[in-house]
Structures are given as C-alpha cells and as structure tokens.
C-alpha cells in the first residue's frame, strides 16, 4: 500500500471519502484484503486510469463482492463439512408444511 501511495494514489483519502458518503461508523473498516486487492489492481491499471474516484468506486465494489463471495464459499465449506445439519431443501420443505424444526443440529 505504501508503494501505491507513493505512486500518487491516495487510497486512504478515497476510503475516507467512501465512508463519509455512506455515513459509516468511524470504527467500521474495509477488510485489509479488499484494500490490498484494490492496490494490486491499481498497479496493473495505473496507465489507463483517467480519474481516480470513478475507477476506485468501480474496483472497490467489484473487489468487495469477490472477497465476500469467497468468504461465503469458505464458510459454506466449513458448515457443510460438519455434517448433521439440515439442507436448505429440508428447511424449505419443513417451513412450507408449517412445521417447526425441533432437532439438535
């Protein structure tokens, strides 16, 4: 991130601008992995970037979505590896019948 900052891309200011526009709590942060992904993409795309703000918003959205999708996949893999739980199809079938699941896991 320091190298990217020294090259003229003030990611810290842009993150602050996003937080201000979205009225985020000051304690809420972007995951470091997302910011690092944005920096890596900046290093690749730098010559073609005309305006930092629109580029940043587009890339931040794309990298955030990719990051959270990967995290959801990891979580799903962990949960499905435990076994013993109901599948989504089972839960939907129970709820459509008006039943209540009273099982353990």
PDB file of N, CA and C in Angstrom:
ATOM      1  N   UNK A   1       0.828  -1.186   0.000  1.00  0.00           N
ATOM      2  CA  UNK A   1       0.000   0.000   0.000  1.00  0.00           C
ATOM      3  C   UNK A   1       0.871   1.246   0.000  1.00  0.00           C
ATOM      4  N   UNK A   2       1.988   1.189   0.696  1.00  0.00           N
ATOM      5  CA  UNK A   2       2.882   2.354   0.724  1.00  0.00           C
ATOM      6  C   UNK A   2       3.412   2.670  -0.666  1.00  0.00           C
ATOM      7  N   UNK A   3       3.764   1.633  -1.414  1.00  0.00           N
ATOM      8  CA  UNK A   3       4.272   1.832  -2.776  1.00  0.00           C
ATOM      9  C   UNK A   3       3.203   2.479  -3.648  1.00  0.00           C
ATOM     10  N   UNK A   4       1.974   2.012  -3.511  1.00  0.00           N
ATOM     11  CA  UNK A   4       0.864   2.568  -4.283  1.00  0.00           C
ATOM     12  C   UNK A   4       0.629   4.022  -3.878  1.00  0.00           C
ATOM     13  N   UNK A   5       0.699   4.296  -2.585  1.00  0.00           N
ATOM     14  CA  UNK A   5       0.520   5.665  -2.090  1.00  0.00           C
ATOM     15  C   UNK A   5       1.606   6.595  -2.645  1.00  0.00           C
ATOM     16  N   UNK A   6       2.848   6.128  -2.627  1.00  0.00           N
ATOM     17  CA  UNK A   6       3.958   6.937  -3.140  1.00  0.00           C
ATOM     18  C   UNK A   6       3.828   7.192  -4.642  1.00  0.00           C
ATOM     19  N   UNK A   7       3.125   6.299  -5.331  1.00  0.00           N
ATOM     20  CA  UNK A   7       2.967   6.478  -6.778  1.00  0.00           C
ATOM     21  C   UNK A   7       1.872   7.487  -7.119  1.00  0.00           C
ATOM     22  N   UNK A   8       1.206   8.029  -6.108  1.00  0.00           N
ATOM     23  CA  UNK A   8       0.224   9.081  -6.356  1.00  0.00           C
ATOM     24  C   UNK A   8      -1.224   8.682  -6.153  1.00  0.00           C
ATOM     25  N   UNK A   9      -1.456   7.473  -5.676  1.00  0.00           N
ATOM     26  CA  UNK A   9      -2.828   7.003  -5.459  1.00  0.00           C
ATOM     27  C   UNK A   9      -3.101   7.025  -3.966  1.00  0.00           C
ATOM     28  N   UNK A  10      -3.874   8.006  -3.522  1.00  0.00           N
ATOM     29  CA  UNK A  10      -4.140   8.152  -2.094  1.00  0.00           C
ATOM     30  C   UNK A  10      -5.364   7.327  -1.708  1.00  0.00           C
ATOM     31  N   UNK A  11      -5.153   6.045  -1.532  1.00  0.00           N
ATOM     32  CA  UNK A  11      -6.256   5.139  -1.208  1.00  0.00           C
ATOM     33  C   UNK A  11      -6.869   5.480   0.144  1.00  0.00           C
ATOM     34  N   UNK A  12      -6.070   6.000   1.049  1.00  0.00           N
ATOM     35  CA  UNK A  12      -6.579   6.357   2.373  1.00  0.00           C
ATOM     36  C   UNK A  12      -7.638   7.451   2.268  1.00  0.00           C
ATOM     37  N   UNK A  13      -7.383   8.453   1.433  1.00  0.00           N
ATOM     38  CA  UNK A  13      -8.354   9.535   1.236  1.00  0.00           C
ATOM     39  C   UNK A  13      -9.613   9.004   0.567  1.00  0.00           C
ATOM     40  N   UNK A  14      -9.457   8.110  -0.402  1.00  0.00           N
ATOM     41  CA  UNK A  14     -10.622   7.563  -1.093  1.00  0.00           C
ATOM     42  C   UNK A  14     -11.472   6.687  -0.169  1.00  0.00           C
ATOM     43  N   UNK A  15     -10.835   5.900   0.662  1.00  0.00           N
ATOM     44  CA  UNK A  15     -11.580   5.083   1.634  1.00  0.00           C
ATOM     45  C   UNK A  15     -12.337   6.011   2.586  1.00  0.00           C
ATOM     46  N   UNK A  16     -11.677   7.073   3.037  1.00  0.00           N
ATOM     47  CA  UNK A  16     -12.342   8.042   3.906  1.00  0.00           C
ATOM     48  C   UNK A  16     -13.527   8.695   3.232  1.00  0.00           C
ATOM     49  N   UNK A  17     -13.396   8.996   1.952  1.00  0.00           N
ATOM     50  CA  UNK A  17     -14.483   9.615   1.185  1.00  0.00           C
ATOM     51  C   UNK A  17     -15.668   8.659   1.075  1.00  0.00           C
ATOM     52  N   UNK A  18     -15.390   7.382   0.813  1.00  0.00           N
ATOM     53  CA  UNK A  18     -16.465   6.377   0.734  1.00  0.00           C
ATOM     54  C   UNK A  18     -17.187   6.284   2.068  1.00  0.00           C
ATOM     55  N   UNK A  19     -16.427   6.195   3.143  1.00  0.00           N
ATOM     56  CA  UNK A  19     -17.033   6.082   4.475  1.00  0.00           C
ATOM     57  C   UNK A  19     -17.902   7.293   4.793  1.00  0.00           C
ATOM     58  N   UNK A  20     -17.430   8.458   4.416  1.00  0.00           N
ATOM     59  CA  UNK A  20     -18.194   9.678   4.675  1.00  0.00           C
ATOM     60  C   UNK A  20     -19.490   9.677   3.872  1.00  0.00           C
ATOM     61  N   UNK A  21     -19.407   9.339   2.610  1.00  0.00           N
ATOM     62  CA  UNK A  21     -20.603   9.319   1.753  1.00  0.00           C
ATOM     63  C   UNK A  21     -21.614   8.272   2.202  1.00  0.00           C
ATOM     64  N   UNK A  22     -21.115   7.149   2.695  1.00  0.00           N
ATOM     65  CA  UNK A  22     -22.019   6.082   3.143  1.00  0.00           C
ATOM     66  C   UNK A  22     -22.408   6.232   4.610  1.00  0.00           C
ATOM     67  N   UNK A  23     -21.861   7.263   5.258  1.00  0.00           N
ATOM     68  CA  UNK A  23     -22.125   7.544   6.676  1.00  0.00           C
ATOM     69  C   UNK A  23     -21.795   6.335   7.552  1.00  0.00           C
ATOM     70  N   UNK A  24     -20.624   5.759   7.322  1.00  0.00           N
ATOM     71  CA  UNK A  24     -20.175   4.603   8.090  1.00  0.00           C
ATOM     72  C   UNK A  24     -19.733   5.025   9.470  1.00  0.00           C
ATOM     73  N   UNK A  25     -19.941   4.184  10.414  1.00  0.00           N
ATOM     74  CA  UNK A  25     -19.408   4.368  11.763  1.00  0.00           C
ATOM     75  C   UNK A  25     -17.887   4.456  11.643  1.00  0.00           C
ATOM     76  N   UNK A  26     -17.277   5.331  12.405  1.00  0.00           N
ATOM     77  CA  UNK A  26     -15.825   5.527  12.302  1.00  0.00           C
ATOM     78  C   UNK A  26     -15.025   4.277  12.648  1.00  0.00           C
ATOM     79  N   UNK A  27     -15.618   3.346  13.387  1.00  0.00           N
ATOM     80  CA  UNK A  27     -14.909   2.112  13.769  1.00  0.00           C
ATOM     81  C   UNK A  27     -14.972   1.056  12.674  1.00  0.00           C
ATOM     82  N   UNK A  28     -15.927   1.190  11.749  1.00  0.00           N
ATOM     83  CA  UNK A  28     -16.092   0.202  10.683  1.00  0.00           C
ATOM     84  C   UNK A  28     -14.993   0.388   9.639  1.00  0.00           C
ATOM     85  N   UNK A  29     -14.409  -0.708   9.205  1.00  0.00           N
ATOM     86  CA  UNK A  29     -13.300  -0.654   8.261  1.00  0.00           C
ATOM     87  C   UNK A  29     -13.566  -1.547   7.060  1.00  0.00           C
ATOM     88  N   UNK A  30     -12.875  -1.248   5.976  1.00  0.00           N
ATOM     89  CA  UNK A  30     -12.864  -2.170   4.855  1.00  0.00           C
ATOM     90  C   UNK A  30     -11.894  -3.280   5.228  1.00  0.00           C
ATOM     91  N   UNK A  31     -12.180  -4.509   4.864  1.00  0.00           N
ATOM     92  CA  UNK A  31     -11.212  -5.573   5.135  1.00  0.00           C
ATOM     93  C   UNK A  31      -9.882  -5.257   4.434  1.00  0.00           C
ATOM     94  N   UNK A  32      -8.785  -5.497   5.117  1.00  0.00           N
ATOM     95  CA  UNK A  32      -7.463  -5.242   4.541  1.00  0.00           C
ATOM     96  C   UNK A  32      -7.280  -5.961   3.215  1.00  0.00           C
ATOM     97  N   UNK A  33      -7.817  -7.162   3.117  1.00  0.00           N
ATOM     98  CA  UNK A  33      -7.648  -7.928   1.878  1.00  0.00           C
ATOM     99  C   UNK A  33      -8.294  -7.223   0.692  1.00  0.00           C
ATOM    100  N   UNK A  34      -9.423  -6.543   0.918  1.00  0.00           N
ATOM    101  CA  UNK A  34     -10.080  -5.810  -0.164  1.00  0.00           C
ATOM    102  C   UNK A  34      -9.210  -4.634  -0.591  1.00  0.00           C
ATOM    103  N   UNK A  35      -8.692  -3.895   0.370  1.00  0.00           N
ATOM    104  CA  UNK A  35      -7.855  -2.745   0.046  1.00  0.00           C
ATOM    105  C   UNK A  35      -6.586  -3.193  -0.681  1.00  0.00           C
ATOM    106  N   UNK A  36      -6.011  -4.299  -0.254  1.00  0.00           N
ATOM    107  CA  UNK A  36      -4.820  -4.814  -0.944  1.00  0.00           C
ATOM    108  C   UNK A  36      -5.142  -5.232  -2.374  1.00  0.00           C
ATOM    109  N   UNK A  37      -6.333  -5.789  -2.586  1.00  0.00           N
ATOM    110  CA  UNK A  37      -6.751  -6.158  -3.948  1.00  0.00           C
ATOM    111  C   UNK A  37      -6.897  -4.916  -4.819  1.00  0.00           C
ATOM    112  N   UNK A  38      -7.477  -3.861  -4.251  1.00  0.00           N
ATOM    113  CA  UNK A  38      -7.629  -2.614  -4.999  1.00  0.00           C
ATOM    114  C   UNK A  38      -6.247  -2.061  -5.367  1.00  0.00           C
ATOM    115  N   UNK A  39      -5.321  -2.085  -4.420  1.00  0.00           N
ATOM    116  CA  UNK A  39      -3.961  -1.607  -4.684  1.00  0.00           C
ATOM    117  C   UNK A  39      -3.286  -2.425  -5.776  1.00  0.00           C
ATOM    118  N   UNK A  40      -3.445  -3.725  -5.729  1.00  0.00           N
ATOM    119  CA  UNK A  40      -2.837  -4.585  -6.752  1.00  0.00           C
ATOM    120  C   UNK A  40      -3.425  -4.270  -8.124  1.00  0.00           C
ATOM    121  N   UNK A  41      -4.724  -4.045  -8.175  1.00  0.00           N
ATOM    122  CA  UNK A  41      -5.354  -3.722  -9.457  1.00  0.00           C
ATOM    123  C   UNK A  41      -4.908  -2.343  -9.942  1.00  0.00           C
ATOM    124  N   UNK A  42      -4.728  -1.422  -9.001  1.00  0.00           N
ATOM    125  CA  UNK A  42      -4.247  -0.084  -9.369  1.00  0.00           C
ATOM    126  C   UNK A  42      -2.878  -0.171 -10.037  1.00  0.00           C
ATOM    127  N   UNK A  43      -1.996  -0.978  -9.473  1.00  0.00           N
ATOM    128  CA  UNK A  43      -0.654  -1.105 -10.038  1.00  0.00           C
ATOM    129  C   UNK A  43      -0.722  -1.618 -11.477  1.00  0.00           C
ATOM    130  N   UNK A  44      -1.683  -2.488 -11.753  1.00  0.00           N
ATOM    131  CA  UNK A  44      -1.845  -3.040 -13.091  1.00  0.00           C
ATOM    132  C   UNK A  44      -2.481  -2.027 -14.045  1.00  0.00           C
ATOM    133  N   UNK A  45      -3.471  -1.296 -13.555  1.00  0.00           N
ATOM    134  CA  UNK A  45      -4.284  -0.420 -14.407  1.00  0.00           C
ATOM    135  C   UNK A  45      -3.817   1.030 -14.449  1.00  0.00           C
ATOM    136  N   UNK A  46      -2.839   1.387 -13.653  1.00  0.00           N
ATOM    137  CA  UNK A  46      -2.455   2.791 -13.471  1.00  0.00           C
ATOM    138  C   UNK A  46      -2.350   3.592 -14.772  1.00  0.00           C
ATOM    139  N   UNK A  47      -1.680   3.098 -15.801  1.00  0.00           N
ATOM    140  CA  UNK A  47      -1.544   3.929 -17.010  1.00  0.00           C
ATOM    141  C   UNK A  47      -2.882   4.305 -17.670  1.00  0.00           C
ATOM    142  N   UNK A  48      -3.892   3.479 -17.505  1.00  0.00           N
ATOM    143  CA  UNK A  48      -5.174   3.727 -18.172  1.00  0.00           C
ATOM    144  C   UNK A  48      -6.171   4.523 -17.327  1.00  0.00           C
ATOM    145  N   UNK A  49      -5.864   4.763 -16.060  1.00  0.00           N
ATOM    146  CA  UNK A  49      -6.810   5.442 -15.171  1.00  0.00           C
ATOM    147  C   UNK A  49      -6.769   6.946 -15.442  1.00  0.00           C
ATOM    148  N   UNK A  50      -7.938   7.496 -15.816  1.00  0.00           N
ATOM    149  CA  UNK A  50      -8.047   8.937 -16.073  1.00  0.00           C
ATOM    150  C   UNK A  50      -8.446   9.684 -14.798  1.00  0.00           C
ATOM    151  N   UNK A  51      -9.449   9.139 -14.089  1.00  0.00           N
ATOM    152  CA  UNK A  51      -9.930   9.760 -12.858  1.00  0.00           C
ATOM    153  C   UNK A  51      -9.955   8.702 -11.759  1.00  0.00           C
ATOM    154  N   UNK A  52      -9.296   8.996 -10.659  1.00  0.00           N
ATOM    155  CA  UNK A  52      -9.170   8.009  -9.578  1.00  0.00           C
ATOM    156  C   UNK A  52     -10.503   7.671  -8.921  1.00  0.00           C
ATOM    157  N   UNK A  53     -11.338   8.651  -8.634  1.00  0.00           N
ATOM    158  CA  UNK A  53     -12.568   8.397  -7.877  1.00  0.00           C
ATOM    159  C   UNK A  53     -13.500   7.405  -8.585  1.00  0.00           C
ATOM    160  N   UNK A  54     -13.913   7.650  -9.849  1.00  0.00           N
ATOM    161  CA  UNK A  54     -14.810   6.668 -10.502  1.00  0.00           C
ATOM    162  C   UNK A  54     -14.166   5.283 -10.624  1.00  0.00           C
ATOM    163  N   UNK A  55     -12.883   5.260 -10.935  1.00  0.00           N
ATOM    164  CA  UNK A  55     -12.199   3.974 -11.050  1.00  0.00           C
ATOM    165  C   UNK A  55     -12.221   3.260  -9.701  1.00  0.00           C
ATOM    166  N   UNK A  56     -11.895   3.991  -8.657  1.00  0.00           N
ATOM    167  CA  UNK A  56     -11.839   3.422  -7.311  1.00  0.00           C
ATOM    168  C   UNK A  56     -13.186   2.846  -6.889  1.00  0.00           C
ATOM    169  N   UNK A  57     -14.263   3.581  -7.106  1.00  0.00           N
ATOM    170  CA  UNK A  57     -15.595   3.108  -6.708  1.00  0.00           C
ATOM    171  C   UNK A  57     -15.934   1.817  -7.444  1.00  0.00           C
ATOM    172  N   UNK A  58     -15.661   1.777  -8.742  1.00  0.00           N
ATOM    173  CA  UNK A  58     -15.952   0.576  -9.541  1.00  0.00           C
ATOM    174  C   UNK A  58     -15.141  -0.624  -9.056  1.00  0.00           C
ATOM    175  N   UNK A  59     -13.850  -0.421  -8.857  1.00  0.00           N
ATOM    176  CA  UNK A  59     -12.967  -1.517  -8.453  1.00  0.00           C
ATOM    177  C   UNK A  59     -13.248  -1.943  -7.013  1.00  0.00           C
ATOM    178  N   UNK A  60     -13.502  -0.973  -6.139  1.00  0.00           N
ATOM    179  CA  UNK A  60     -13.817  -1.312  -4.753  1.00  0.00           C
ATOM    180  C   UNK A  60     -15.064  -2.184  -4.685  1.00  0.00           C
ATOM    181  N   UNK A  61     -16.077  -1.833  -5.445  1.00  0.00           N
ATOM    182  CA  UNK A  61     -17.311  -2.629  -5.463  1.00  0.00           C
ATOM    183  C   UNK A  61     -17.028  -4.044  -5.972  1.00  0.00           C
ATOM    184  N   UNK A  62     -16.305  -4.139  -7.079  1.00  0.00           N
ATOM    185  CA  UNK A  62     -16.015  -5.458  -7.663  1.00  0.00           C
ATOM    186  C   UNK A  62     -15.164  -6.303  -6.726  1.00  0.00           C
ATOM    187  N   UNK A  63     -14.130  -5.722  -6.149  1.00  0.00           N
ATOM    188  CA  UNK A  63     -13.245  -6.478  -5.266  1.00  0.00           C
ATOM    189  C   UNK A  63     -13.928  -6.846  -3.949  1.00  0.00           C
ATOM    190  N   UNK A  64     -14.799  -5.961  -3.453  1.00  0.00           N
ATOM    191  CA  UNK A  64     -15.560  -6.294  -2.237  1.00  0.00           C
ATOM    192  C   UNK A  64     -16.483  -7.467  -2.484  1.00  0.00           C
ATOM    193  N   UNK A  65     -17.204  -7.424  -3.622  1.00  0.00           N
ATOM    194  CA  UNK A  65     -18.108  -8.524  -3.954  1.00  0.00           C
ATOM    195  C   UNK A  65     -17.349  -9.829  -4.094  1.00  0.00           C
ATOM    196  N   UNK A  66     -16.204  -9.796  -4.758  1.00  0.00           N
ATOM    197  CA  UNK A  66     -15.403 -11.012  -4.930  1.00  0.00           C
ATOM    198  C   UNK A  66     -14.912 -11.529  -3.579  1.00  0.00           C
ATOM    199  N   UNK A  67     -14.449 -10.633  -2.731  1.00  0.00           N
ATOM    200  CA  UNK A  67     -13.946 -11.019  -1.409  1.00  0.00           C
ATOM    201  C   UNK A  67     -15.053 -11.672  -0.575  1.00  0.00           C
ATOM    202  N   UNK A  68     -16.213 -11.022  -0.506  1.00  0.00           N
ATOM    203  CA  UNK A  68     -17.290 -11.570   0.319  1.00  0.00           C
ATOM    204  C   UNK A  68     -17.866 -12.858  -0.262  1.00  0.00           C
ATOM    205  N   UNK A  69     -17.844 -13.007  -1.579  1.00  0.00           N
ATOM    206  CA  UNK A  69     -18.275 -14.266  -2.190  1.00  0.00           C
ATOM    207  C   UNK A  69     -17.320 -15.391  -1.807  1.00  0.00           C
ATOM    208  N   UNK A  70     -16.026 -15.108  -1.830  1.00  0.00           N
ATOM    209  CA  UNK A  70     -15.038 -16.108  -1.426  1.00  0.00           C
ATOM    210  C   UNK A  70     -15.187 -16.467   0.045  1.00  0.00           C
ATOM    211  N   UNK A  71     -15.433 -15.465   0.885  1.00  0.00           N
ATOM    212  CA  UNK A  71     -15.630 -15.727   2.313  1.00  0.00           C
ATOM    213  C   UNK A  71     -16.883 -16.579   2.541  1.00  0.00           C
ATOM    214  N   UNK A  72     -17.939 -16.298   1.799  1.00  0.00           N
ATOM    215  CA  UNK A  72     -19.169 -17.084   1.931  1.00  0.00           C
ATOM    216  C   UNK A  72     -18.935 -18.531   1.499  1.00  0.00           C
ATOM    217  N   UNK A  73     -18.151 -18.714   0.443  1.00  0.00           N
ATOM    218  CA  UNK A  73     -17.833 -20.071  -0.006  1.00  0.00           C
ATOM    219  C   UNK A  73     -17.026 -20.822   1.047  1.00  0.00           C
ATOM    220  N   UNK A  74     -16.073 -20.120   1.668  1.00  0.00           N
ATOM    221  CA  UNK A  74     -15.289 -20.761   2.728  1.00  0.00           C
ATOM    222  C   UNK A  74     -16.186 -21.162   3.895  1.00  0.00           C
ATOM    223  N   UNK A  75     -17.079 -20.256   4.275  1.00  0.00           N
ATOM    224  CA  UNK A  75     -17.978 -20.541   5.386  1.00  0.00           C
ATOM    225  C   UNK A  75     -18.905 -21.705   5.050  1.00  0.00           C
ATOM    226  N   UNK A  76     -19.411 -21.723   3.823  1.00  0.00           N
ATOM    227  CA  UNK A  76     -20.276 -22.828   3.398  1.00  0.00           C
ATOM    228  C   UNK A  76     -19.514 -24.152   3.456  1.00  0.00           C
ATOM    229  N   UNK A  77     -18.282 -24.117   2.998  1.00  0.00           N
ATOM    230  CA  UNK A  77     -17.473 -25.339   3.010  1.00  0.00           C
ATOM    231  C   UNK A  77     -17.265 -25.834   4.442  1.00  0.00           C
ATOM    232  N   UNK A  78     -17.008 -24.897   5.364  1.00  0.00           N
ATOM    233  CA  UNK A  78     -16.831 -25.274   6.770  1.00  0.00           C
ATOM    234  C   UNK A  78     -18.121 -25.871   7.332  1.00  0.00           C
ATOM    235  N   UNK A  79     -19.232 -25.209   7.079  1.00  0.00           N
ATOM    236  CA  UNK A  79     -20.505 -25.671   7.625  1.00  0.00           C
ATOM    237  C   UNK A  79     -20.938 -26.997   7.015  1.00  0.00           C
ATOM    238  N   UNK A  80     -20.754 -27.137   5.705  1.00  0.00           N
ATOM    239  CA  UNK A  80     -21.183 -28.382   5.065  1.00  0.00           C
ATOM    240  C   UNK A  80     -20.270 -29.539   5.448  1.00  0.00           C
ATOM    241  N   UNK A  81     -19.050 -29.247   5.841  1.00  0.00           N
ATOM    242  CA  UNK A  81     -18.115 -30.283   6.252  1.00  0.00           C
ATOM    243  C   UNK A  81     -18.432 -30.855   7.624  1.00  0.00           C
ATOM    244  N   UNK A  82     -19.225 -30.127   8.392  1.00  0.00           N
ATOM    245  CA  UNK A  82     -19.565 -30.605   9.747  1.00  0.00           C
ATOM    246  C   UNK A  82     -20.561 -31.747   9.731  1.00  0.00           C
ATOM    247  N   UNK A  83     -21.447 -31.721   8.756  1.00  0.00           N
ATOM    248  CA  UNK A  83     -22.464 -32.767   8.678  1.00  0.00           C
ATOM    249  C   UNK A  83     -23.490 -32.646   9.785  1.00  0.00           C
ATOM    250  N   UNK A  84     -24.553 -33.378   9.694  1.00  0.00           N
ATOM    251  CA  UNK A  84     -25.561 -33.407  10.747  1.00  0.00           C
ATOM    252  C   UNK A  84     -26.590 -32.311  10.645  1.00  0.00           C
ATOM    253  N   UNK A  85     -26.347 -31.272   9.860  1.00  0.00           N
ATOM    254  CA  UNK A  85     -27.295 -30.175   9.738  1.00  0.00           C
ATOM    255  C   UNK A  85     -28.299 -30.441   8.629  1.00  0.00           C
ATOM    256  N   UNK A  86     -29.331 -29.637   8.619  1.00  0.00           N
ATOM    257  CA  UNK A  86     -30.339 -29.750   7.570  1.00  0.00           C
ATOM    258  C   UNK A  86     -29.862 -29.045   6.308  1.00  0.00           C
ATOM    259  N   UNK A  87     -30.290 -29.561   5.174  1.00  0.00           N
ATOM    260  CA  UNK A  87     -30.007 -28.873   3.922  1.00  0.00           C
ATOM    261  C   UNK A  87     -31.044 -27.773   3.743  1.00  0.00           C
ATOM    262  N   UNK A  88     -30.772 -26.856   2.835  1.00  0.00           N
ATOM    263  CA  UNK A  88     -31.721 -25.786   2.557  1.00  0.00           C
ATOM    264  C   UNK A  88     -33.043 -26.365   2.057  1.00  0.00           C
ATOM    265  N   UNK A  89     -32.973 -27.416   1.260  1.00  0.00           N
ATOM    266  CA  UNK A  89     -34.191 -28.059   0.759  1.00  0.00           C
ATOM    267  C   UNK A  89     -35.032 -28.604   1.913  1.00  0.00           C
ATOM    268  N   UNK A  90     -34.377 -29.203   2.911  1.00  0.00           N
ATOM    269  CA  UNK A  90     -35.101 -29.718   4.080  1.00  0.00           C
ATOM    270  C   UNK A  90     -35.764 -28.590   4.858  1.00  0.00           C
ATOM    271  N   UNK A  91     -35.041 -27.504   5.052  1.00  0.00           N
ATOM    272  CA  UNK A  91     -35.581 -26.367   5.797  1.00  0.00           C
ATOM    273  C   UNK A  91     -36.785 -25.790   5.081  1.00  0.00           C
ATOM    274  N   UNK A  92     -36.689 -25.636   3.756  1.00  0.00           N
ATOM    275  CA  UNK A  92     -37.812 -25.105   2.988  1.00  0.00           C
ATOM    276  C   UNK A  92     -39.012 -26.043   3.034  1.00  0.00           C
ATOM    277  N   UNK A  93     -38.763 -27.344   2.942  1.00  0.00           N
ATOM    278  CA  UNK A  93     -39.859 -28.314   2.998  1.00  0.00           C
ATOM    279  C   UNK A  93     -40.576 -28.248   4.332  1.00  0.00           C
ATOM    280  N   UNK A  94     -39.826 -28.148   5.407  1.00  0.00           N
ATOM    281  CA  UNK A  94     -40.423 -28.056   6.742  1.00  0.00           C
ATOM    282  C   UNK A  94     -41.237 -26.776   6.875  1.00  0.00           C
ATOM    283  N   UNK A  95     -40.684 -25.658   6.398  1.00  0.00           N
ATOM    284  CA  UNK A  95     -41.392 -24.381   6.556  1.00  0.00           C
ATOM    285  C   UNK A  95     -42.654 -24.338   5.684  1.00  0.00           C
ATOM    286  N   UNK A  96     -42.642 -24.972   4.508  1.00  0.00           N
ATOM    287  CA  UNK A  96     -43.812 -24.977   3.644  1.00  0.00           C
ATOM    288  C   UNK A  96     -44.939 -25.821   4.230  1.00  0.00           C
ATOM    289  N   UNK A  97     -44.580 -26.810   5.030  1.00  0.00           N
ATOM    290  CA  UNK A  97     -45.589 -27.660   5.675  1.00  0.00           C
ATOM    291  C   UNK A  97     -46.103 -27.016   6.951  1.00  0.00           C
ATOM    292  N   UNK A  98     -45.516 -25.880   7.296  1.00  0.00           N
ATOM    293  CA  UNK A  98     -45.936 -25.214   8.529  1.00  0.00           C
ATOM    294  C   UNK A  98     -45.339 -25.826   9.763  1.00  0.00           C
ATOM    295  N   UNK A  99     -44.388 -26.694   9.567  1.00  0.00           N
ATOM    296  CA  UNK A  99     -43.763 -27.372  10.701  1.00  0.00           C
ATOM    297  C   UNK A  99     -42.680 -26.546  11.353  1.00  0.00           C
ATOM    298  N   UNK A 100     -42.266 -26.985  12.477  1.00  0.00           N
ATOM    299  CA  UNK A 100     -41.187 -26.334  13.194  1.00  0.00           C
ATOM    300  C   UNK A 100     -40.126 -27.385  13.436  1.00  0.00           C
ATOM    301  N   UNK A 101     -38.901 -27.049  13.112  1.00  0.00           N
ATOM    302  CA  UNK A 101     -37.811 -27.991  13.315  1.00  0.00           C
ATOM    303  C   UNK A 101     -37.393 -27.924  14.773  1.00  0.00           C
ATOM    304  N   UNK A 102     -37.415 -29.066  15.422  1.00  0.00           N
ATOM    305  CA  UNK A 102     -37.037 -29.116  16.838  1.00  0.00           C
ATOM    306  C   UNK A 102     -35.845 -30.017  17.061  1.00  0.00           C
ATOM    307  N   UNK A 103     -35.106 -30.258  15.994  1.00  0.00           N
ATOM    308  CA  UNK A 103     -33.961 -31.155  16.090  1.00  0.00           C
ATOM    309  C   UNK A 103     -32.779 -30.513  16.766  1.00  0.00           C
ATOM    310  N   UNK A 104     -31.707 -31.282  16.889  1.00  0.00           N
ATOM    311  CA  UNK A 104     -30.497 -30.840  17.568  1.00  0.00           C
ATOM    312  C   UNK A 104     -29.666 -29.905  16.722  1.00  0.00           C
ATOM    313  N   UNK A 105     -28.920 -30.447  15.736  1.00  0.00           N
ATOM    314  CA  UNK A 105     -28.034 -29.630  14.895  1.00  0.00           C
ATOM    315  C   UNK A 105     -28.861 -28.837  13.977  1.00  0.00           C
TER     316      UNK A 105
END
